[in-house]
Amino acid sequence: MPKWKLQHQQFQAALAAIRQTSQPGGLTGPPVAMPESLDDRVPCPHCSRKFAPETATRHIPHCAKTINKPKPVVRPGGNDDMMEYG
């Protein structure tokens, strides 16, 4: 199955999950992540964010030089996979 079709199905499943959680009595929980085998993004060793390969080649040298890096904000609830930078 082509990668775009898998991404489309994951997107549709995410929308369906959002619709269920927005209704009273709906299911709650973290969103389903893309399987690592299909994720072709490159993680930055400095900030742990993921980028497309071409973007990563520009970002990583710049991020290595950044002195005041924002620290990851962990939301209450303990879901370490969902981080925000602020």
N, C-alpha and C. Protein backbone atom coordinates (compact mmCIF):
# COMPACT_ATOMS: atom_id res chain seq x y z
N MET A 1 0.85 -1.17 0.00
CA MET A 1 0.00 0.00 0.00
C MET A 1 0.90 1.24 0.00
N PRO A 2 0.61 2.24 -0.81
CA PRO A 2 1.45 3.43 -0.87
C PRO A 2 1.45 4.19 0.46
N LYS A 3 2.55 4.90 0.70
CA LYS A 3 2.70 5.65 1.95
C LYS A 3 1.59 6.71 2.09
N TRP A 4 1.25 7.38 0.99
CA TRP A 4 0.24 8.42 1.07
C TRP A 4 -1.11 7.87 1.50
N LYS A 5 -1.40 6.62 1.08
CA LYS A 5 -2.69 6.03 1.44
C LYS A 5 -2.72 5.68 2.93
N LEU A 6 -1.59 5.18 3.46
CA LEU A 6 -1.52 4.90 4.89
C LEU A 6 -1.67 6.19 5.70
N GLN A 7 -1.01 7.26 5.24
CA GLN A 7 -1.13 8.54 5.94
C GLN A 7 -2.57 9.04 5.89
N HIS A 8 -3.24 8.85 4.77
CA HIS A 8 -4.62 9.28 4.63
C HIS A 8 -5.52 8.51 5.60
N GLN A 9 -5.31 7.20 5.68
CA GLN A 9 -6.11 6.38 6.59
C GLN A 9 -5.87 6.77 8.05
N GLN A 10 -4.61 7.07 8.39
CA GLN A 10 -4.31 7.51 9.76
C GLN A 10 -4.98 8.84 10.05
N PHE A 11 -4.98 9.73 9.05
CA PHE A 11 -5.62 11.02 9.22
C PHE A 11 -7.13 10.86 9.43
N GLN A 12 -7.74 10.00 8.63
CA GLN A 12 -9.17 9.76 8.78
C GLN A 12 -9.49 9.15 10.13
N ALA A 13 -8.64 8.23 10.61
CA ALA A 13 -8.85 7.61 11.93
C ALA A 13 -8.70 8.65 13.04
N ALA A 14 -7.76 9.57 12.89
CA ALA A 14 -7.58 10.62 13.88
C ALA A 14 -8.79 11.54 13.93
N LEU A 15 -9.34 11.88 12.77
CA LEU A 15 -10.54 12.72 12.74
C LEU A 15 -11.72 12.01 13.41
N ALA A 16 -11.86 10.72 13.15
CA ALA A 16 -12.95 9.96 13.77
C ALA A 16 -12.77 9.91 15.28
N ALA A 17 -11.53 9.77 15.75
CA ALA A 17 -11.27 9.74 17.19
C ALA A 17 -11.59 11.08 17.83
N ILE A 18 -11.29 12.16 17.13
CA ILE A 18 -11.60 13.49 17.66
C ILE A 18 -13.10 13.68 17.76
N ARG A 19 -13.81 13.21 16.75
CA ARG A 19 -15.28 13.33 16.78
C ARG A 19 -15.85 12.56 17.97
N GLN A 20 -15.30 11.39 18.28
CA GLN A 20 -15.79 10.59 19.40
C GLN A 20 -15.48 11.27 20.73
N THR A 21 -14.30 11.86 20.87
CA THR A 21 -13.93 12.48 22.15
C THR A 21 -14.67 13.80 22.37
N SER A 22 -15.09 14.47 21.29
CA SER A 22 -15.78 15.74 21.46
C SER A 22 -17.24 15.54 21.86
N GLN A 23 -17.76 14.34 21.72
CA GLN A 23 -19.14 14.06 22.10
C GLN A 23 -19.18 13.63 23.57
N PRO A 24 -20.25 13.95 24.29
CA PRO A 24 -20.36 13.50 25.68
C PRO A 24 -20.31 11.97 25.75
N GLY A 25 -19.53 11.45 26.65
CA GLY A 25 -19.41 10.01 26.80
C GLY A 25 -18.48 9.38 25.78
N GLY A 26 -17.76 10.21 25.02
CA GLY A 26 -16.84 9.69 24.01
C GLY A 26 -15.57 9.15 24.63
N LEU A 27 -14.81 8.44 23.84
CA LEU A 27 -13.56 7.86 24.31
C LEU A 27 -12.52 8.95 24.49
N THR A 28 -11.63 8.76 25.46
CA THR A 28 -10.53 9.70 25.66
C THR A 28 -9.23 8.93 25.65
N GLY A 29 -8.16 9.62 25.32
CA GLY A 29 -6.85 8.99 25.31
C GLY A 29 -5.94 9.70 24.33
N PRO A 30 -4.67 9.32 24.33
CA PRO A 30 -3.73 9.99 23.44
C PRO A 30 -3.96 9.60 21.99
N PRO A 31 -3.60 10.48 21.07
CA PRO A 31 -3.76 10.14 19.66
C PRO A 31 -2.82 9.02 19.26
N VAL A 32 -3.20 8.29 18.23
CA VAL A 32 -2.38 7.19 17.75
C VAL A 32 -1.27 7.76 16.89
N ALA A 33 -0.02 7.42 17.20
CA ALA A 33 1.13 7.94 16.48
C ALA A 33 1.40 7.10 15.23
N MET A 34 2.13 7.71 14.30
CA MET A 34 2.52 7.01 13.09
C MET A 34 3.57 5.96 13.45
N PRO A 35 3.48 4.77 12.90
CA PRO A 35 4.50 3.75 13.19
C PRO A 35 5.89 4.25 12.80
N GLU A 36 6.88 3.91 13.62
CA GLU A 36 8.25 4.36 13.38
C GLU A 36 8.77 3.90 12.02
N SER A 37 8.33 2.75 11.55
CA SER A 37 8.82 2.25 10.27
C SER A 37 8.36 3.13 9.10
N LEU A 38 7.26 3.86 9.26
CA LEU A 38 6.75 4.71 8.20
C LEU A 38 7.15 6.16 8.36
N ASP A 39 7.71 6.50 9.52
CA ASP A 39 8.08 7.88 9.80
C ASP A 39 9.47 8.15 9.23
N ASP A 40 9.54 8.92 8.14
CA ASP A 40 10.82 9.18 7.50
C ASP A 40 11.44 10.50 7.96
N ARG A 41 10.90 11.10 9.01
CA ARG A 41 11.46 12.35 9.52
C ARG A 41 12.74 12.08 10.30
N VAL A 42 13.62 13.08 10.33
CA VAL A 42 14.91 12.95 11.00
C VAL A 42 14.84 13.69 12.33
N PRO A 43 15.14 13.01 13.47
CA PRO A 43 15.09 13.71 14.76
C PRO A 43 16.32 14.59 14.95
N CYS A 44 16.12 15.75 15.53
CA CYS A 44 17.22 16.66 15.86
C CYS A 44 17.83 16.17 17.17
N PRO A 45 19.15 15.96 17.24
CA PRO A 45 19.76 15.47 18.48
C PRO A 45 19.79 16.53 19.58
N HIS A 46 19.51 17.79 19.24
CA HIS A 46 19.59 18.87 20.22
C HIS A 46 18.26 19.21 20.86
N CYS A 47 17.18 19.18 20.08
CA CYS A 47 15.88 19.57 20.61
C CYS A 47 14.84 18.46 20.53
N SER A 48 15.18 17.32 19.96
CA SER A 48 14.32 16.14 19.85
C SER A 48 13.12 16.34 18.94
N ARG A 49 13.08 17.41 18.16
CA ARG A 49 12.00 17.58 17.20
C ARG A 49 12.35 16.81 15.94
N LYS A 50 11.35 16.51 15.12
CA LYS A 50 11.56 15.75 13.89
C LYS A 50 11.28 16.63 12.69
N PHE A 51 12.10 16.44 11.65
CA PHE A 51 12.00 17.25 10.44
C PHE A 51 12.14 16.38 9.21
N ALA A 52 11.66 16.90 8.09
CA ALA A 52 11.91 16.26 6.80
C ALA A 52 13.42 16.28 6.57
N PRO A 53 13.96 15.32 5.82
CA PRO A 53 15.41 15.23 5.65
C PRO A 53 16.08 16.54 5.18
N GLU A 54 15.50 17.19 4.19
CA GLU A 54 16.10 18.44 3.69
C GLU A 54 16.04 19.54 4.74
N THR A 55 14.94 19.64 5.45
CA THR A 55 14.78 20.65 6.49
C THR A 55 15.73 20.37 7.66
N ALA A 56 15.94 19.09 7.98
CA ALA A 56 16.83 18.73 9.08
C ALA A 56 18.26 19.17 8.80
N THR A 57 18.69 19.09 7.54
CA THR A 57 20.06 19.52 7.22
C THR A 57 20.25 21.01 7.47
N ARG A 58 19.18 21.79 7.37
CA ARG A 58 19.28 23.23 7.69
C ARG A 58 19.10 23.47 9.18
N HIS A 59 18.19 22.74 9.81
CA HIS A 59 17.85 23.00 11.21
C HIS A 59 18.94 22.58 12.19
N ILE A 60 19.49 21.38 12.02
CA ILE A 60 20.40 20.81 13.03
C ILE A 60 21.61 21.71 13.27
N PRO A 61 22.31 22.23 12.26
CA PRO A 61 23.44 23.12 12.55
C PRO A 61 23.00 24.40 13.28
N HIS A 62 21.86 24.92 12.89
CA HIS A 62 21.35 26.14 13.55
C HIS A 62 20.98 25.85 15.01
N CYS A 63 20.35 24.72 15.25
CA CYS A 63 19.91 24.35 16.61
C CYS A 63 21.12 24.09 17.50
N ALA A 64 22.21 23.57 16.94
CA ALA A 64 23.41 23.30 17.73
C ALA A 64 24.03 24.59 18.25
N LYS A 65 23.84 25.68 17.52
CA LYS A 65 24.41 26.97 17.92
C LYS A 65 23.50 27.76 18.86
N THR A 66 22.26 27.35 19.02
CA THR A 66 21.31 28.08 19.84
C THR A 66 21.68 27.96 21.30
N ILE A 67 21.81 29.10 21.97
CA ILE A 67 22.21 29.11 23.38
C ILE A 67 20.99 28.96 24.29
N ASN A 68 19.97 29.77 24.09
CA ASN A 68 18.78 29.73 24.93
C ASN A 68 17.73 28.84 24.30
N LYS A 69 17.86 27.55 24.52
CA LYS A 69 16.91 26.60 23.95
C LYS A 69 15.69 26.52 24.84
N PRO A 70 14.49 26.52 24.26
CA PRO A 70 13.30 26.32 25.09
C PRO A 70 13.27 24.91 25.65
N LYS A 71 12.88 24.81 26.91
CA LYS A 71 12.80 23.49 27.53
C LYS A 71 11.43 22.89 27.24
N PRO A 72 11.37 21.58 27.04
CA PRO A 72 10.08 20.95 26.75
C PRO A 72 9.13 21.10 27.94
N VAL A 73 7.90 21.42 27.65
CA VAL A 73 6.87 21.54 28.67
C VAL A 73 6.09 20.25 28.69
N VAL A 74 6.10 19.56 29.83
CA VAL A 74 5.37 18.31 29.96
C VAL A 74 4.01 18.64 30.56
N ARG A 75 2.98 18.25 29.89
CA ARG A 75 1.62 18.53 30.37
C ARG A 75 1.28 17.63 31.54
N PRO A 76 0.46 18.12 32.46
CA PRO A 76 0.01 17.24 33.54
C PRO A 76 -0.76 16.07 32.95
N GLY A 77 -0.53 14.91 33.46
CA GLY A 77 -1.17 13.72 32.94
C GLY A 77 -0.12 12.70 32.55
N GLY A 78 1.13 13.14 32.48
CA GLY A 78 2.23 12.22 32.28
C GLY A 78 2.43 11.70 30.88
N ASN A 79 1.82 12.28 29.85
CA ASN A 79 2.03 11.80 28.50
C ASN A 79 3.29 12.46 27.96
N ASP A 80 4.42 11.74 28.03
CA ASP A 80 5.70 12.29 27.63
C ASP A 80 5.84 12.41 26.11
N ASP A 81 5.00 11.70 25.34
CA ASP A 81 5.10 11.75 23.89
C ASP A 81 4.61 13.10 23.34
N MET A 82 3.71 13.72 24.06
CA MET A 82 3.15 14.97 23.60
C MET A 82 3.85 16.12 24.32
N MET A 83 4.81 16.76 23.68
CA MET A 83 5.54 17.86 24.28
C MET A 83 5.26 19.13 23.51
N GLU A 84 5.25 20.23 24.25
CA GLU A 84 5.13 21.53 23.64
C GLU A 84 6.36 22.33 23.98
N TYR A 85 6.74 23.21 23.10
CA TYR A 85 7.87 24.07 23.36
C TYR A 85 7.33 25.48 23.49
N GLY A 86 7.70 26.15 24.54
CA GLY A 86 7.16 27.49 24.72
C GLY A 86 8.13 28.46 25.26
